[in-house]
Amino acid sequence: MAQTDLVAVWLGSLDGETWWEAEADEPTYSASLMKLPIATAAQRRHERGELDLDAEVRVHDDFDSVVAGQRYVLDRDDDQDEATWDEVARGDTRTSLRELRRRALVMSGNLATNLLLEAVGIDEVTAVLADAGCSDRTRVVRGIDDSPAQRAGISNIVTARDLARLLTHTPSPVEEILLDQHYRDAIPNGLPPGALIANKTGWIDDHTHDMAIVRPSAEQGGRPFALVVLTRLAGVSYDEGNRRIADLAAQAWERRR
């Protein structure tokens, strides 16, 4: 069945007050937005002394599927993070979980994400979502490009409201990484210079998303806020999707309190 078009927005304060919303509870495919709760899960386990982010793990491109007894291999052509794939090519290379987390967020690295998730575990990611108050409409249940899971209909799903809840529970070390985000064509492109913008994008065919913690400068005034824009638009290009999100971000700036 073909999916209907969707433009979902949530704008509000970092304490959860809603200022503007549209279709905020409508679920859609997460694309790379699922990388944020994985990064947060790593931080939580690190703070509890259960995971050393400076520990090095072997870099590899094959993983256990969430479908029992099956494995899958990632494709370099579907990734934006060259550094981790270069390490695969060199063979028998080890990289710190801290660096893999940075690549997963800043470069939206798929391989880096799966390596981090392998160390963190799905259960901790589920706990992050639950502790943030996310509904059952949002779930992160598999790694990137888990083809056996995809064939079984197992997908990572999110809503704008739930992602906003996640943003309001993002640890400071993770927010700091997002300030170095490489992909700035959506929400940041619609906001005026001067604000600190910690954003994470996600895109795949017909889906273009962005979410951000925005901290206006002293001169700009106003409270820090969270903004999430999810779009599912058939036939709309990546560039056009980003332009639409930037337009909505400009509207959000005018609506902020």
Protein backbone atom coordinates (compact mmCIF):
# COMPACT_ATOMS: atom_id res chain seq x y z
CA MET A 1 0.00 0.00 0.00
CA ALA A 2 1.36 3.42 -0.95
CA GLN A 3 2.02 5.75 1.96
CA THR A 4 0.36 9.14 2.09
CA ASP A 5 2.42 12.31 2.09
CA LEU A 6 3.34 13.70 5.48
CA VAL A 7 4.78 16.93 6.85
CA ALA A 8 5.04 16.69 10.62
CA VAL A 9 6.29 19.48 12.92
CA TRP A 10 6.89 19.90 16.62
CA LEU A 11 8.25 23.11 18.10
CA GLY A 12 8.54 23.85 21.80
CA SER A 13 10.65 24.55 24.83
CA LEU A 14 13.26 22.19 26.22
CA ASP A 15 10.96 21.50 29.17
CA GLY A 16 8.36 20.08 26.79
CA GLU A 17 5.95 23.00 26.34
CA THR A 18 4.39 22.84 22.87
CA TRP A 19 4.40 26.06 20.84
CA TRP A 20 3.46 24.72 17.41
CA GLU A 21 2.64 21.27 16.11
CA ALA A 22 1.28 19.60 12.98
CA GLU A 23 0.79 15.85 12.49
CA ALA A 24 3.16 15.44 15.43
CA ASP A 25 1.86 11.98 16.38
CA GLU A 26 1.92 10.47 12.89
CA PRO A 27 4.59 7.74 12.65
CA THR A 28 7.02 7.50 9.76
CA TYR A 29 10.27 5.74 8.90
CA SER A 30 13.11 7.14 11.01
CA ALA A 31 15.94 7.05 8.46
CA SER A 32 19.10 8.19 10.27
CA LEU A 33 17.30 9.95 13.13
CA MET A 34 17.57 6.64 15.01
CA LYS A 35 21.26 7.38 15.45
CA LEU A 36 20.54 9.94 18.17
CA PRO A 37 19.02 7.53 20.74
CA ILE A 38 21.89 5.11 20.06
CA ALA A 39 24.40 7.87 20.82
CA THR A 40 22.48 8.80 23.97
CA ALA A 41 22.36 5.15 25.05
CA ALA A 42 26.15 4.97 24.72
CA GLN A 43 26.52 8.05 26.91
CA ARG A 44 24.21 6.63 29.59
CA ARG A 45 26.02 3.32 29.74
CA HIS A 46 29.34 5.19 29.88
CA GLU A 47 28.15 7.33 32.80
CA ARG A 48 27.01 4.22 34.66
CA GLY A 49 30.46 2.68 34.21
CA GLU A 50 29.15 -0.08 31.94
CA LEU A 51 30.77 1.08 28.70
CA ASP A 52 34.15 2.69 28.11
CA LEU A 53 33.73 5.08 25.19
CA ASP A 54 37.49 5.16 24.77
CA ALA A 55 37.65 1.39 24.33
CA GLU A 56 38.55 0.34 20.80
CA VAL A 57 36.48 -2.20 18.86
CA ARG A 58 37.28 -4.10 15.69
CA VAL A 59 35.86 -2.44 12.60
CA HIS A 60 33.86 -4.84 10.41
CA ASP A 61 30.99 -4.60 7.95
CA ASP A 62 28.94 -7.74 8.79
CA PHE A 63 26.42 -7.96 11.62
CA ASP A 64 23.90 -10.21 13.32
CA SER A 65 20.36 -9.46 12.19
CA VAL A 66 17.59 -9.05 14.75
CA VAL A 67 16.07 -11.96 12.83
CA ALA A 68 17.52 -14.93 14.70
CA GLY A 69 20.22 -16.89 12.90
CA GLN A 70 20.74 -14.43 10.06
CA ARG A 71 23.47 -11.94 9.23
CA TYR A 72 23.82 -9.07 6.79
CA VAL A 73 26.57 -6.94 5.24
CA LEU A 74 26.52 -3.16 4.78
CA ASP A 75 27.20 -1.46 1.45
CA ARG A 76 29.85 1.25 1.32
CA ASP A 77 28.00 3.02 -1.49
CA ASP A 78 25.10 3.74 0.87
CA ASP A 79 27.29 5.48 3.47
CA GLN A 80 28.61 9.03 3.84
CA ASP A 81 31.38 8.16 6.30
CA GLU A 82 34.50 7.30 4.34
CA ALA A 83 36.81 7.06 7.34
CA THR A 84 35.22 3.96 8.85
CA TRP A 85 35.10 2.18 5.49
CA ASP A 86 38.74 3.02 4.88
CA GLU A 87 39.48 1.23 8.14
CA VAL A 88 37.54 -1.83 6.93
CA ALA A 89 39.61 -1.83 3.75
CA ARG A 90 42.87 -1.74 5.72
CA GLY A 91 41.78 -4.83 7.70
CA ASP A 92 42.15 -5.74 11.37
CA THR A 93 41.64 -2.11 12.41
CA ARG A 94 40.27 -0.95 15.74
CA THR A 95 38.56 2.38 16.49
CA SER A 96 37.23 3.88 19.71
CA LEU A 97 33.50 3.89 20.42
CA ARG A 98 33.78 7.62 21.08
CA GLU A 99 35.05 8.23 17.55
CA LEU A 100 32.43 5.91 16.05
CA ARG A 101 29.73 7.85 17.88
CA ARG A 102 31.05 11.12 16.50
CA ARG A 103 31.03 9.76 12.94
CA ALA A 104 27.52 8.32 13.40
CA LEU A 105 26.17 11.75 14.38
CA VAL A 106 28.31 14.25 12.47
CA MET A 107 28.75 12.31 9.20
CA SER A 108 25.63 10.16 9.63
CA GLY A 109 27.84 7.10 9.28
CA ASN A 110 25.88 3.88 8.87
CA LEU A 111 28.75 1.51 9.56
CA ALA A 112 29.85 3.57 12.56
CA THR A 113 26.27 3.45 13.87
CA ASN A 114 26.01 -0.32 13.64
CA LEU A 115 29.36 -0.80 15.36
CA LEU A 116 28.22 1.50 18.17
CA LEU A 117 24.85 -0.27 18.43
CA GLU A 118 26.62 -3.62 18.61
CA ALA A 119 28.39 -2.40 21.75
CA VAL A 120 25.43 -0.57 23.28
CA GLY A 121 22.59 -3.04 22.65
CA ILE A 122 19.02 -2.52 21.50
CA ASP A 123 17.66 -2.88 25.05
CA GLU A 124 19.50 0.24 26.22
CA VAL A 125 18.21 2.20 23.21
CA THR A 126 14.67 1.09 24.07
CA ALA A 127 15.23 2.28 27.64
CA VAL A 128 16.40 5.69 26.39
CA LEU A 129 13.18 6.13 24.43
CA ALA A 130 11.05 4.99 27.35
CA ASP A 131 12.79 7.25 29.85
CA ALA A 132 12.29 10.22 27.52
CA GLY A 133 8.55 9.52 27.56
CA CYS A 134 8.28 8.38 23.95
CA SER A 135 5.09 6.61 22.91
CA ASP A 136 4.84 3.15 21.36
CA ARG A 137 4.61 4.90 17.99
CA THR A 138 8.38 5.36 18.15
CA ARG A 139 10.69 2.37 18.18
CA VAL A 140 14.28 1.59 17.30
CA VAL A 141 14.43 -2.16 16.83
CA ARG A 142 17.22 -2.86 14.34
CA GLY A 143 20.47 -1.61 12.90
CA ILE A 144 21.00 0.23 9.62
CA ASP A 145 20.28 -1.84 6.50
CA ASP A 146 19.38 -5.03 8.39
CA SER A 147 18.06 -6.67 5.23
CA PRO A 148 16.56 -9.81 6.89
CA ALA A 149 14.65 -7.52 9.26
CA GLN A 150 13.52 -5.31 6.39
CA ARG A 151 12.15 -8.36 4.57
CA ALA A 152 10.33 -9.33 7.76
CA GLY A 153 8.73 -5.88 7.99
CA ILE A 154 10.76 -4.79 11.03
CA SER A 155 11.41 -1.03 10.82
CA ASN A 156 12.57 1.88 12.94
CA ILE A 157 9.62 4.26 13.32
CA VAL A 158 9.38 7.75 14.87
CA THR A 159 6.99 10.63 15.44
CA ALA A 160 7.82 14.33 15.66
CA ARG A 161 6.51 14.63 19.20
CA ASP A 162 8.51 11.66 20.44
CA LEU A 163 11.70 12.91 18.82
CA ALA A 164 11.16 16.24 20.56
CA ARG A 165 10.90 14.38 23.85
CA LEU A 166 14.16 12.65 22.98
CA LEU A 167 15.84 15.98 22.21
CA THR A 168 14.81 17.39 25.58
CA HIS A 169 16.55 14.42 27.24
CA THR A 170 19.73 14.58 25.14
CA PRO A 171 22.87 14.62 27.35
CA SER A 172 25.14 17.64 27.03
CA PRO A 173 28.09 15.63 25.60
CA VAL A 174 25.85 14.37 22.78
CA GLU A 175 24.45 17.84 22.08
CA GLU A 176 28.01 19.15 21.84
CA ILE A 177 28.80 16.60 19.13
CA LEU A 178 25.73 17.66 17.16
CA LEU A 179 27.02 21.24 17.07
CA ASP A 180 29.65 19.94 14.61
CA GLN A 181 27.00 18.45 12.32
CA HIS A 182 28.16 18.24 8.70
CA TYR A 183 24.66 18.36 7.18
CA ARG A 184 23.22 21.85 7.66
CA ASP A 185 20.92 22.30 4.65
CA ALA A 186 17.58 21.85 6.42
CA ILE A 187 16.74 23.39 9.83
CA PRO A 188 19.99 25.39 10.19
CA ASN A 189 19.52 26.85 6.70
CA GLY A 190 16.18 28.34 7.75
CA LEU A 191 17.37 29.99 10.95
CA PRO A 192 19.24 33.28 11.34
CA PRO A 193 22.98 33.33 12.03
CA GLY A 194 24.03 33.49 15.64
CA ALA A 195 21.98 30.72 17.19
CA LEU A 196 23.69 27.52 18.34
CA ILE A 197 22.08 24.65 16.42
CA ALA A 198 22.68 21.01 17.36
CA ASN A 199 20.90 19.03 14.65
CA LYS A 200 20.62 15.51 13.26
CA THR A 201 19.30 14.77 9.79
CA GLY A 202 17.86 11.67 8.18
CA TRP A 203 17.02 10.91 4.59
CA ILE A 204 16.10 8.05 2.30
CA ASP A 205 13.86 7.80 -0.77
CA ASP A 206 10.81 10.08 -0.31
CA HIS A 207 11.84 10.90 3.30
CA THR A 208 13.78 13.96 4.43
CA HIS A 209 13.96 14.76 8.16
CA ASP A 210 15.77 17.06 10.55
CA MET A 211 15.61 17.70 14.29
CA ALA A 212 17.50 20.21 16.38
CA ILE A 213 18.14 21.79 19.74
CA VAL A 214 18.38 25.54 19.10
CA ARG A 215 19.87 28.01 21.54
CA PRO A 216 19.37 31.65 20.41
CA SER A 217 22.16 34.11 21.08
CA ALA A 218 21.83 36.71 23.85
CA GLU A 219 21.22 39.35 21.18
CA GLN A 220 18.45 37.30 19.57
CA GLY A 221 16.76 36.62 22.88
CA GLY A 222 14.17 34.00 23.64
CA ARG A 223 14.30 30.58 25.22
CA PRO A 224 16.18 27.58 23.82
CA PHE A 225 13.88 25.23 21.94
CA ALA A 226 13.53 21.91 20.18
CA LEU A 227 12.34 21.66 16.58
CA VAL A 228 11.51 18.50 14.65
CA VAL A 229 10.40 18.40 11.01
CA LEU A 230 9.64 15.08 9.32
CA THR A 231 8.66 14.87 5.65
CA ARG A 232 7.45 11.90 3.64
CA LEU A 233 6.75 13.23 0.16
CA ALA A 234 6.61 10.98 -2.89
CA GLY A 235 8.91 12.06 -5.70
CA VAL A 236 10.43 14.99 -3.80
CA SER A 237 14.21 15.23 -4.14
CA TYR A 238 16.66 15.47 -1.27
CA ASP A 239 17.39 19.13 -2.09
CA GLU A 240 13.72 20.04 -2.34
CA GLY A 241 12.99 18.23 0.92
CA ASN A 242 15.69 20.24 2.67
CA ARG A 243 14.32 23.47 1.20
CA ARG A 244 10.87 22.71 2.57
CA ILE A 245 12.27 21.94 6.00
CA ALA A 246 14.28 25.18 5.95
CA ASP A 247 11.09 27.11 5.12
CA LEU A 248 9.33 25.50 8.07
CA ALA A 249 12.29 26.28 10.32
CA ALA A 250 11.98 29.95 9.34
CA GLN A 251 8.30 29.81 10.29
CA ALA A 252 9.21 28.15 13.58
CA TRP A 253 11.64 30.95 14.39
CA GLU A 254 8.81 33.46 14.05
CA ARG A 255 6.50 31.30 16.20
CA ARG A 256 8.97 30.74 19.04
CA ARG A 257 8.22 32.21 22.47
